[in-house]
C-alpha atoms as a PDB file:
ATOM      1  CA  MET A   1     186.125 -13.175  60.104  1.00  0.00           C
ATOM      2  CA  ARG A   2     187.928 -15.179  62.781  1.00  0.00           C
ATOM      3  CA  ASN A   3     188.302 -18.101  60.377  1.00  0.00           C
ATOM      4  CA  TYR A   4     189.746 -15.771  57.761  1.00  0.00           C
ATOM      5  CA  ILE A   5     192.335 -14.421  60.174  1.00  0.00           C
ATOM      6  CA  VAL A   6     193.367 -17.910  61.214  1.00  0.00           C
ATOM      7  CA  PHE A   7     193.625 -18.984  57.580  1.00  0.00           C
ATOM      8  CA  THR A   8     195.742 -15.964  56.664  1.00  0.00           C
ATOM      9  CA  ILE A   9     198.170 -16.586  59.512  1.00  0.00           C
ATOM     10  CA  ILE A  10     198.419 -20.276  58.680  1.00  0.00           C
ATOM     11  CA  VAL A  11     199.266 -19.519  55.064  1.00  0.00           C
ATOM     12  CA  SER A  12     201.895 -16.944  55.982  1.00  0.00           C
ATOM     13  CA  LEU A  13     203.559 -19.357  58.409  1.00  0.00           C
ATOM     14  CA  SER A  14     203.039 -22.580  56.461  1.00  0.00           C
ATOM     15  CA  TYR A  15     206.748 -23.147  55.977  1.00  0.00           C
ATOM     16  CA  ILE A  16     207.137 -23.426  59.742  1.00  0.00           C
ATOM     17  CA  VAL A  17     204.563 -26.202  59.987  1.00  0.00           C
ATOM     18  CA  GLN A  18     205.825 -28.120  56.984  1.00  0.00           C
ATOM     19  CA  ALA A  19     209.347 -28.290  58.338  1.00  0.00           C
ATOM     20  CA  GLN A  20     208.129 -30.133  61.455  1.00  0.00           C
ATOM     21  CA  ASN A  21     206.933 -33.174  59.524  1.00  0.00           C
ATOM     22  CA  ALA A  22     209.035 -36.253  58.950  1.00  0.00           C
ATOM     23  CA  ASN A  23     210.163 -36.793  55.377  1.00  0.00           C
ATOM     24  CA  PRO A  24     209.275 -40.350  54.237  1.00  0.00           C
ATOM     25  CA  TYR A  25     211.038 -39.749  50.928  1.00  0.00           C
ATOM     26  CA  LYS A  26     214.328 -39.219  52.688  1.00  0.00           C
ATOM     27  CA  THR A  27     214.470 -42.295  54.924  1.00  0.00           C
ATOM     28  CA  ARG A  28     211.882 -44.609  56.418  1.00  0.00           C
ATOM     29  CA  VAL A  29     209.753 -43.177  59.225  1.00  0.00           C
ATOM     30  CA  TYR A  30     209.276 -45.744  61.996  1.00  0.00           C
ATOM     31  CA  ASN A  31     206.070 -45.556  64.032  1.00  0.00           C
ATOM     32  CA  ASN A  32     206.499 -48.685  66.127  1.00  0.00           C
ATOM     33  CA  ILE A  33     209.196 -48.762  68.794  1.00  0.00           C
ATOM     34  CA  LYS A  34     209.378 -52.585  68.836  1.00  0.00           C
ATOM     35  CA  ILE A  35     210.064 -52.719  65.119  1.00  0.00           C
ATOM     36  CA  ALA A  36     212.414 -49.761  65.175  1.00  0.00           C
ATOM     37  CA  VAL A  37     214.589 -51.102  67.977  1.00  0.00           C
ATOM     38  CA  LYS A  38     215.518 -54.115  65.842  1.00  0.00           C
ATOM     39  CA  LYS A  39     217.298 -51.708  63.485  1.00  0.00           C
ATOM     40  CA  ALA A  40     218.266 -49.148  66.084  1.00  0.00           C
ATOM     41  CA  ASN A  41     221.602 -48.301  64.469  1.00  0.00           C
ATOM     42  CA  ASP A  42     219.949 -47.398  61.167  1.00  0.00           C
ATOM     43  CA  VAL A  43     216.802 -45.542  62.243  1.00  0.00           C
ATOM     44  CA  GLU A  44     216.939 -41.843  61.374  1.00  0.00           C
ATOM     45  CA  GLN A  45     213.265 -40.907  61.758  1.00  0.00           C
ATOM     46  CA  LEU A  46     210.991 -42.054  64.571  1.00  0.00           C
ATOM     47  CA  SER A  47     207.414 -40.867  65.134  1.00  0.00           C
ATOM     48  CA  LEU A  48     205.693 -41.963  68.336  1.00  0.00           C
ATOM     49  CA  ARG A  49     203.002 -39.309  68.325  1.00  0.00           C
ATOM     50  CA  ASP A  50     199.583 -40.000  69.849  1.00  0.00           C
ATOM     51  CA  GLN A  51     200.531 -43.414  71.244  1.00  0.00           C
ATOM     52  CA  HIS A  52     199.261 -42.876  74.812  1.00  0.00           C
ATOM     53  CA  LEU A  53     202.773 -42.957  76.250  1.00  0.00           C
ATOM     54  CA  PHE A  54     203.239 -41.975  79.895  1.00  0.00           C
ATOM     55  CA  ASN A  55     207.015 -42.440  79.788  1.00  0.00           C
ATOM     56  CA  MET A  56     209.655 -42.030  77.135  1.00  0.00           C
ATOM     57  CA  PRO A  57     210.638 -45.498  75.845  1.00  0.00           C
ATOM     58  CA  LYS A  58     213.470 -47.084  77.788  1.00  0.00           C
ATOM     59  CA  GLU A  59     215.173 -47.901  74.470  1.00  0.00           C
ATOM     60  CA  ILE A  60     215.167 -44.295  73.275  1.00  0.00           C
ATOM     61  CA  GLY A  61     218.900 -43.838  73.793  1.00  0.00           C
ATOM     62  CA  ASP A  62     219.727 -46.742  71.498  1.00  0.00           C
ATOM     63  CA  PHE A  63     218.865 -44.865  68.304  1.00  0.00           C
ATOM     64  CA  ARG A  64     222.255 -43.240  67.808  1.00  0.00           C
ATOM     65  CA  ALA A  65     221.595 -42.369  64.134  1.00  0.00           C
ATOM     66  CA  LEU A  66     218.289 -40.640  64.910  1.00  0.00           C
ATOM     67  CA  LYS A  67     217.783 -37.208  63.345  1.00  0.00           C
ATOM     68  CA  PHE A  68     214.003 -36.767  63.686  1.00  0.00           C
ATOM     69  CA  LEU A  69     211.991 -37.655  66.799  1.00  0.00           C
ATOM     70  CA  ASN A  70     208.307 -36.860  67.294  1.00  0.00           C
ATOM     71  CA  MET A  71     206.607 -37.756  70.596  1.00  0.00           C
ATOM     72  CA  MET A  72     203.798 -35.233  70.281  1.00  0.00           C
ATOM     73  CA  GLY A  73     200.391 -35.844  71.817  1.00  0.00           C
ATOM     74  CA  ASN A  74     201.246 -38.258  74.589  1.00  0.00           C
ATOM     75  CA  SER A  75     201.096 -37.904  78.385  1.00  0.00           C
ATOM     76  CA  LEU A  76     204.787 -37.548  79.138  1.00  0.00           C
ATOM     77  CA  GLU A  77     205.556 -35.967  82.507  1.00  0.00           C
ATOM     78  CA  SER A  78     209.283 -36.644  82.799  1.00  0.00           C
ATOM     79  CA  TRP A  79     212.368 -37.201  80.681  1.00  0.00           C
ATOM     80  CA  ASN A  80     214.342 -40.370  80.047  1.00  0.00           C
ATOM     81  CA  TYR A  81     217.824 -38.872  80.187  1.00  0.00           C
ATOM     82  CA  ASP A  82     219.111 -41.450  77.702  1.00  0.00           C
ATOM     83  CA  ILE A  83     217.409 -39.288  75.089  1.00  0.00           C
ATOM     84  CA  PHE A  84     220.337 -36.894  75.345  1.00  0.00           C
ATOM     85  CA  ASN A  85     222.617 -39.561  73.869  1.00  0.00           C
ATOM     86  CA  LEU A  86     221.063 -38.835  70.482  1.00  0.00           C
ATOM     87  CA  LYS A  87     223.881 -36.569  69.361  1.00  0.00           C
ATOM     88  CA  LEU A  88     222.738 -36.378  65.708  1.00  0.00           C
ATOM     89  CA  LEU A  89     219.199 -35.237  66.490  1.00  0.00           C
ATOM     90  CA  GLU A  90     218.046 -32.317  64.345  1.00  0.00           C
ATOM     91  CA  VAL A  91     214.316 -32.202  65.129  1.00  0.00           C
ATOM     92  CA  LEU A  92     212.742 -32.892  68.527  1.00  0.00           C
ATOM     93  CA  ILE A  93     208.970 -32.550  68.908  1.00  0.00           C
ATOM     94  CA  VAL A  94     207.410 -33.145  72.326  1.00  0.00           C
ATOM     95  CA  LYS A  95     204.415 -30.875  71.825  1.00  0.00           C
ATOM     96  CA  LYS A  96     201.174 -31.569  73.731  1.00  0.00           C
ATOM     97  CA  ASN A  97     202.490 -33.464  76.724  1.00  0.00           C
ATOM     98  CA  ASP A  98     202.676 -32.718  80.449  1.00  0.00           C
ATOM     99  CA  LEU A  99     206.360 -31.857  80.776  1.00  0.00           C
ATOM    100  CA  LYS A 100     207.135 -29.313  83.505  1.00  0.00           C
ATOM    101  CA  TYR A 101     210.803 -28.609  82.799  1.00  0.00           C
ATOM    102  CA  ILE A 102     213.592 -28.852  80.249  1.00  0.00           C
ATOM    103  CA  PRO A 103     216.762 -30.545  81.545  1.00  0.00           C
ATOM    104  CA  GLU A 104     220.082 -28.723  81.376  1.00  0.00           C
ATOM    105  CA  GLU A 105     221.325 -31.619  79.256  1.00  0.00           C
ATOM    106  CA  ILE A 106     219.411 -30.139  76.335  1.00  0.00           C
ATOM    107  CA  SER A 107     222.738 -28.491  75.476  1.00  0.00           C
ATOM    108  CA  LYS A 108     224.040 -31.853  74.223  1.00  0.00           C
ATOM    109  CA  TYR A 109     221.965 -31.437  71.068  1.00  0.00           C
ATOM    110  CA  GLN A 110     224.558 -29.580  69.069  1.00  0.00           C
ATOM    111  CA  ASN A 111     222.872 -30.492  65.768  1.00  0.00           C
ATOM    112  CA  LEU A 112     219.359 -29.538  66.856  1.00  0.00           C
ATOM    113  CA  VAL A 113     217.638 -27.268  64.341  1.00  0.00           C
ATOM    114  CA  ARG A 114     214.044 -27.420  65.602  1.00  0.00           C
ATOM    115  CA  PHE A 115     212.727 -27.861  69.152  1.00  0.00           C
ATOM    116  CA  ASN A 116     208.981 -27.918  69.661  1.00  0.00           C
ATOM    117  CA  ILE A 117     207.878 -28.178  73.289  1.00  0.00           C
ATOM    118  CA  SER A 118     204.714 -26.117  72.972  1.00  0.00           C
ATOM    119  CA  THR A 119     201.564 -27.027  74.918  1.00  0.00           C
ATOM    120  CA  ASN A 120     203.249 -28.378  78.025  1.00  0.00           C
ATOM    121  CA  LYS A 121     203.652 -26.948  81.531  1.00  0.00           C
ATOM    122  CA  ILE A 122     207.107 -25.388  81.234  1.00  0.00           C
ATOM    123  CA  THR A 123     207.696 -22.563  83.716  1.00  0.00           C
ATOM    124  CA  ALA A 124     211.324 -21.732  82.895  1.00  0.00           C
ATOM    125  CA  LEU A 125     214.065 -22.426  80.370  1.00  0.00           C
ATOM    126  CA  PRO A 126     217.518 -23.633  81.447  1.00  0.00           C
ATOM    127  CA  GLU A 127     220.478 -21.345  80.842  1.00  0.00           C
ATOM    128  CA  THR A 128     221.962 -24.120  78.701  1.00  0.00           C
ATOM    129  CA  ILE A 129     219.341 -23.443  76.020  1.00  0.00           C
ATOM    130  CA  GLY A 130     221.819 -20.892  74.741  1.00  0.00           C
ATOM    131  CA  GLU A 131     224.286 -23.642  73.850  1.00  0.00           C
ATOM    132  CA  LEU A 132     222.090 -24.860  70.983  1.00  0.00           C
ATOM    133  CA  SER A 133     224.240 -23.170  68.382  1.00  0.00           C
ATOM    134  CA  ASN A 134     222.380 -24.574  65.353  1.00  0.00           C
ATOM    135  CA  LEU A 135     218.839 -23.995  66.595  1.00  0.00           C
ATOM    136  CA  ARG A 136     216.676 -22.190  64.040  1.00  0.00           C
ATOM    137  CA  PHE A 137     213.120 -22.869  65.194  1.00  0.00           C
ATOM    138  CA  LEU A 138     212.024 -22.738  68.838  1.00  0.00           C
ATOM    139  CA  HIS A 139     208.365 -23.372  69.649  1.00  0.00           C
ATOM    140  CA  LEU A 140     207.349 -22.551  73.240  1.00  0.00           C
ATOM    141  CA  SER A 141     203.673 -21.665  72.807  1.00  0.00           C
ATOM    142  CA  PHE A 142     201.064 -22.603  75.418  1.00  0.00           C
ATOM    143  CA  ASN A 143     203.308 -22.994  78.453  1.00  0.00           C
ATOM    144  CA  ASP A 144     203.650 -21.081  81.738  1.00  0.00           C
ATOM    145  CA  LEU A 145     206.773 -19.035  81.043  1.00  0.00           C
ATOM    146  CA  THR A 146     207.164 -15.734  82.890  1.00  0.00           C
ATOM    147  CA  SER A 147     210.665 -14.906  81.622  1.00  0.00           C
ATOM    148  CA  LEU A 148     213.438 -16.021  79.292  1.00  0.00           C
ATOM    149  CA  PRO A 149     217.111 -16.509  80.155  1.00  0.00           C
ATOM    150  CA  GLU A 150     219.556 -13.994  78.702  1.00  0.00           C
ATOM    151  CA  SER A 151     221.510 -16.916  77.279  1.00  0.00           C
ATOM    152  CA  ILE A 152     218.872 -17.424  74.585  1.00  0.00           C
ATOM    153  CA  SER A 153     220.686 -14.675  72.696  1.00  0.00           C
ATOM    154  CA  ASN A 154     223.480 -17.176  72.043  1.00  0.00           C
ATOM    155  CA  CYS A 155     221.181 -19.114  69.703  1.00  0.00           C
ATOM    156  CA  ARG A 156     222.464 -16.888  66.922  1.00  0.00           C
ATOM    157  CA  LYS A 157     220.890 -18.896  64.097  1.00  0.00           C
ATOM    158  CA  LEU A 158     217.381 -18.639  65.531  1.00  0.00           C
ATOM    159  CA  GLU A 159     214.848 -17.623  62.866  1.00  0.00           C
ATOM    160  CA  VAL A 160     211.503 -18.420  64.500  1.00  0.00           C
ATOM    161  CA  LEU A 161     210.643 -17.853  68.155  1.00  0.00           C
ATOM    162  CA  GLU A 162     207.093 -18.694  69.203  1.00  0.00           C
ATOM    163  CA  LEU A 163     206.194 -17.506  72.705  1.00  0.00           C
ATOM    164  CA  ASP A 164     202.450 -17.005  72.414  1.00  0.00           C
ATOM    165  CA  ASN A 165     200.085 -18.084  75.188  1.00  0.00           C
ATOM    166  CA  ASN A 166     202.480 -17.742  78.106  1.00  0.00           C
ATOM    167  CA  GLN A 167     202.669 -15.291  81.027  1.00  0.00           C
ATOM    168  CA  LEU A 168     205.374 -12.983  79.704  1.00  0.00           C
ATOM    169  CA  ARG A 169     205.562  -9.281  80.600  1.00  0.00           C
ATOM    170  CA  PHE A 170     209.024  -8.532  79.228  1.00  0.00           C
ATOM    171  CA  LEU A 171     211.847 -10.013  77.165  1.00  0.00           C
ATOM    172  CA  PRO A 172     215.575  -9.796  77.866  1.00  0.00           C
ATOM    173  CA  HIS A 173     217.441  -7.005  76.076  1.00  0.00           C
ATOM    174  CA  GLU A 174     219.875  -9.631  74.776  1.00  0.00           C
ATOM    175  CA  LEU A 175     217.186 -10.860  72.393  1.00  0.00           C
ATOM    176  CA  THR A 176     218.270  -8.017  70.113  1.00  0.00           C
ATOM    177  CA  GLN A 177     221.375 -10.057  69.316  1.00  0.00           C
ATOM    178  CA  LEU A 178     219.292 -12.564  67.351  1.00  0.00           C
ATOM    179  CA  TYR A 179     220.163 -11.046  64.015  1.00  0.00           C
ATOM    180  CA  ASP A 180     218.615 -13.874  61.960  1.00  0.00           C
ATOM    181  CA  LEU A 181     215.247 -13.769  63.747  1.00  0.00           C
ATOM    182  CA  LYS A 182     212.428 -13.444  61.215  1.00  0.00           C
ATOM    183  CA  THR A 183     209.318 -14.483  63.165  1.00  0.00           C
ATOM    184  CA  LEU A 184     208.483 -13.431  66.716  1.00  0.00           C
ATOM    185  CA  ASP A 185     205.130 -14.488  68.180  1.00  0.00           C
ATOM    186  CA  LEU A 186     204.207 -12.805  71.468  1.00  0.00           C
ATOM    187  CA  GLY A 187     200.443 -13.167  71.247  1.00  0.00           C
ATOM    188  CA  TYR A 188     198.315 -13.878  74.328  1.00  0.00           C
ATOM    189  CA  ASN A 189     200.797 -12.681  76.935  1.00  0.00           C
ATOM    190  CA  GLN A 190     200.838  -9.729  79.338  1.00  0.00           C
ATOM    191  CA  PHE A 191     202.743  -7.020  77.508  1.00  0.00           C
ATOM    192  CA  TYR A 192     201.609  -3.493  78.339  1.00  0.00           C
ATOM    193  CA  GLU A 193     204.195  -1.674  76.216  1.00  0.00           C
ATOM    194  CA  PHE A 194     205.892  -2.128  72.883  1.00  0.00           C
ATOM    195  CA  ASP A 195     209.484  -2.531  74.032  1.00  0.00           C
ATOM    196  CA  SER A 196     211.833  -0.267  72.070  1.00  0.00           C
ATOM    197  CA  ASP A 197     214.352  -3.128  72.112  1.00  0.00           C
ATOM    198  CA  TRP A 198     212.190  -5.003  69.626  1.00  0.00           C
ATOM    199  CA  LEU A 199     212.951  -2.293  67.076  1.00  0.00           C
ATOM    200  CA  LEU A 200     216.549  -3.489  67.074  1.00  0.00           C
ATOM    201  CA  ILE A 201     215.595  -6.889  65.678  1.00  0.00           C
ATOM    202  CA  LYS A 202     215.985  -5.531  62.175  1.00  0.00           C
ATOM    203  CA  GLY A 203     215.419  -8.797  60.290  1.00  0.00           C
ATOM    204  CA  LEU A 204     211.870  -9.371  61.564  1.00  0.00           C
ATOM    205  CA  LYS A 205     209.338 -10.217  58.870  1.00  0.00           C
ATOM    206  CA  THR A 206     206.472 -11.382  61.096  1.00  0.00           C
ATOM    207  CA  LEU A 207     205.590  -9.827  64.446  1.00  0.00           C
ATOM    208  CA  ASN A 208     202.528 -11.021  66.356  1.00  0.00           C
ATOM    209  CA  ILE A 209     201.485  -9.209  69.550  1.00  0.00           C
ATOM    210  CA  GLU A 210     197.761 -10.002  69.486  1.00  0.00           C
ATOM    211  CA  HIS A 211     195.720 -10.248  72.703  1.00  0.00           C
ATOM    212  CA  ASN A 212     197.975  -8.178  74.963  1.00  0.00           C
ATOM    213  CA  ASN A 213     197.493  -4.768  76.597  1.00  0.00           C
ATOM    214  CA  LEU A 214     199.295  -2.425  74.231  1.00  0.00           C
ATOM    215  CA  VAL A 215     197.972   1.125  74.099  1.00  0.00           C
ATOM    216  CA  ALA A 216     200.382   2.529  71.503  1.00  0.00           C
ATOM    217  CA  LEU A 217     203.140   1.773  69.019  1.00  0.00           C
ATOM    218  CA  PRO A 218     206.461   3.656  69.005  1.00  0.00           C
ATOM    219  CA  ASN A 219     207.055   6.331  66.389  1.00  0.00           C
ATOM    220  CA  GLU A 220     210.184   4.408  65.430  1.00  0.00           C
ATOM    221  CA  ILE A 221     208.185   1.431  64.164  1.00  0.00           C
ATOM    222  CA  PHE A 222     209.585   2.245  60.710  1.00  0.00           C
ATOM    223  CA  LYS A 223     212.907   0.734  61.840  1.00  0.00           C
ATOM    224  CA  LEU A 224     211.359  -2.703  61.279  1.00  0.00           C
ATOM    225  CA  SER A 225     211.652  -2.070  57.561  1.00  0.00           C
ATOM    226  CA  LYS A 226     211.542  -5.761  56.550  1.00  0.00           C
ATOM    227  CA  LEU A 227     208.244  -6.382  58.308  1.00  0.00           C
ATOM    228  CA  GLU A 228     205.690  -8.162  56.107  1.00  0.00           C
ATOM    229  CA  THR A 229     203.113  -9.228  58.727  1.00  0.00           C
ATOM    230  CA  LEU A 230     202.082  -7.186  61.765  1.00  0.00           C
ATOM    231  CA  ILE A 231     199.355  -8.619  64.017  1.00  0.00           C
ATOM    232  CA  LEU A 232     198.008  -6.314  66.725  1.00  0.00           C
ATOM    233  CA  ASN A 233     194.384  -7.335  67.195  1.00  0.00           C
ATOM    234  CA  ASN A 234     192.747  -7.348  70.640  1.00  0.00           C
ATOM    235  CA  ASN A 235     194.861  -4.712  72.324  1.00  0.00           C
ATOM    236  CA  LYS A 236     193.920  -1.202  73.496  1.00  0.00           C
ATOM    237  CA  ILE A 237     195.495   0.854  70.755  1.00  0.00           C
ATOM    238  CA  GLU A 238     193.840   4.251  70.212  1.00  0.00           C
ATOM    239  CA  VAL A 239     196.172   5.852  67.680  1.00  0.00           C
ATOM    240  CA  LEU A 240     198.725   4.586  65.184  1.00  0.00           C
ATOM    241  CA  PRO A 241     201.888   6.594  64.479  1.00  0.00           C
ATOM    242  CA  GLU A 242     202.284   8.105  61.029  1.00  0.00           C
ATOM    243  CA  SER A 243     205.499   6.139  60.699  1.00  0.00           C
ATOM    244  CA  ILE A 244     203.551   2.927  60.181  1.00  0.00           C
ATOM    245  CA  GLY A 245     203.177   4.157  56.632  1.00  0.00           C
ATOM    246  CA  GLU A 246     206.950   3.813  56.308  1.00  0.00           C
ATOM    247  CA  LEU A 247     206.930   0.012  56.380  1.00  0.00           C
ATOM    248  CA  PRO A 248     207.638  -0.589  52.682  1.00  0.00           C
ATOM    249  CA  ASN A 249     207.238  -4.379  52.737  1.00  0.00           C
ATOM    250  CA  LEU A 250     204.106  -4.669  54.862  1.00  0.00           C
ATOM    251  CA  GLU A 251     201.557  -7.048  53.296  1.00  0.00           C
ATOM    252  CA  LEU A 252     199.278  -8.049  56.191  1.00  0.00           C
ATOM    253  CA  LEU A 253     198.136  -5.711  58.974  1.00  0.00           C
ATOM    254  CA  ILE A 254     195.615  -6.918  61.573  1.00  0.00           C
ATOM    255  CA  LEU A 255     194.218  -4.230  63.886  1.00  0.00           C
ATOM    256  CA  SER A 256     190.822  -5.645  64.806  1.00  0.00           C
ATOM    257  CA  ASN A 257     189.318  -5.149  68.268  1.00  0.00           C
ATOM    258  CA  ASN A 258     191.226  -2.065  69.361  1.00  0.00           C
ATOM    259  CA  THR A 259     189.840   1.454  69.967  1.00  0.00           C
ATOM    260  CA  LEU A 260     190.937   3.133  66.750  1.00  0.00           C
ATOM    261  CA  THR A 261     188.896   5.942  65.217  1.00  0.00           C
ATOM    262  CA  LYS A 262     191.328   7.005  62.492  1.00  0.00           C
ATOM    263  CA  LEU A 263     194.285   5.635  60.550  1.00  0.00           C
ATOM    264  CA  PRO A 264     197.369   7.683  59.565  1.00  0.00           C
ATOM    265  CA  ASP A 265     197.041  10.147  56.704  1.00  0.00           C
ATOM    266  CA  ASN A 266     199.893   8.494  54.794  1.00  0.00           C
ATOM    267  CA  LEU A 267     198.102   5.147  54.589  1.00  0.00           C
ATOM    268  CA  SER A 268     198.421   5.153  50.820  1.00  0.00           C
ATOM    269  CA  ASP A 269     202.189   4.813  51.194  1.00  0.00           C
ATOM    270  CA  LEU A 270     201.721   1.136  52.110  1.00  0.00           C
ATOM    271  CA  LYS A 271     202.083   0.118  48.479  1.00  0.00           C
ATOM    272  CA  HIS A 272     202.480  -3.627  49.166  1.00  0.00           C
ATOM    273  CA  LEU A 273     199.660  -3.975  51.686  1.00  0.00           C
ATOM    274  CA  LYS A 274     197.354  -6.766  50.528  1.00  0.00           C
ATOM    275  CA  THR A 275     195.155  -7.367  53.576  1.00  0.00           C
ATOM    276  CA  LEU A 276     193.984  -4.940  56.265  1.00  0.00           C
ATOM    277  CA  ILE A 277     191.676  -6.235  59.017  1.00  0.00           C
ATOM    278  CA  LEU A 278     189.982  -3.518  61.083  1.00  0.00           C
ATOM    279  CA  LYS A 279     186.867  -5.158  62.522  1.00  0.00           C
ATOM    280  CA  GLY A 280     185.834  -4.102  66.018  1.00  0.00           C
ATOM    281  CA  ASN A 281     187.088  -0.490  66.053  1.00  0.00           C
ATOM    282  CA  ASN A 282     185.258   2.867  66.019  1.00  0.00           C
ATOM    283  CA  PHE A 283     185.657   4.246  62.505  1.00  0.00           C
ATOM    284  CA  SER A 284     183.161   6.728  61.109  1.00  0.00           C
ATOM    285  CA  ASN A 285     181.630   6.110  57.691  1.00  0.00           C
ATOM    286  CA  SER A 286     183.740   8.898  56.194  1.00  0.00           C
ATOM    287  CA  GLU A 287     186.935   7.385  57.615  1.00  0.00           C
ATOM    288  CA  ILE A 288     186.008   3.993  56.231  1.00  0.00           C
ATOM    289  CA  GLU A 289     185.592   5.497  52.774  1.00  0.00           C
ATOM    290  CA  ARG A 290     188.908   7.329  53.082  1.00  0.00           C
ATOM    291  CA  ILE A 291     190.700   4.105  54.052  1.00  0.00           C
ATOM    292  CA  LYS A 292     189.246   2.195  51.109  1.00  0.00           C
ATOM    293  CA  LYS A 293     190.138   4.987  48.715  1.00  0.00           C
ATOM    294  CA  ALA A 294     193.691   5.202  50.038  1.00  0.00           C
ATOM    295  CA  LEU A 295     194.195   1.442  49.528  1.00  0.00           C
ATOM    296  CA  PRO A 296     192.451   0.556  46.259  1.00  0.00           C
ATOM    297  CA  TYR A 297     194.381  -2.704  45.765  1.00  0.00           C
ATOM    298  CA  CYS A 298     194.117  -3.887  49.368  1.00  0.00           C
ATOM    299  CA  LYS A 299     191.392  -6.130  50.798  1.00  0.00           C
ATOM    300  CA  VAL A 300     189.954  -4.201  53.740  1.00  0.00           C
ATOM    301  CA  TYR A 301     187.830  -6.069  56.278  1.00  0.00           C
ATOM    302  CA  LEU A 302     185.661  -3.984  58.588  1.00  0.00           C
END
């Protein structure tokens, strides 16, 4: 069952992963810094992932035409500030390192579309993160964040915000100004309530709040009318509001490992629901039969 859930999530978010890869059909992808530096003015894509680097290359600032830079899977602990001379950079991946902070100079990346700094040791974001006016994808998973700056609301083009596996208890109200946000991942944090502010992010298509401490959903959940994927497994939810049946575009609903004994009576109104995962709850045999009958075209996993 766990493998199925992982597979389902991967498929639904595959476009996010694909967009992080260099495109060898566009321009050459250099993997060797010594070779790349000989053509520094022409290099647009540089991948230095998994090369056992402890420091960012001293030549990194020489690649003025660089648009894609991947330094994932090294042992970087600090920044070479020459990296902020790369004014054309669109994709920066420093995932799986040992970075503890993000410099304020991050604001110099006015063309940055994707920033992946997940799986580091980041405890806070600089206020200048809000100056990344073209940022669409921000990956902050597996860090030590306890809060976000209000300025993040200035990243008005943001579509994907991954915050899972941090230490978050709340989000700033200003997040509601991210009108283009489609994916919000809050899994594995410390949320005890479903913040009513999240209902104002009307464009959301994927909302993940798995492995938190939620006990209920708001009756106004129907306001997230564009929602296609809702992941709520491993919380403490006892009852779902009837209004969950008013999510017309919902295709995937994961509710496993809560304390549910019954689902709403209007379950059959979820006409587009394709997958419902309910394992680890307390449904009676009669309720299980009712659920299956109400959703004849939906795969139900119990």
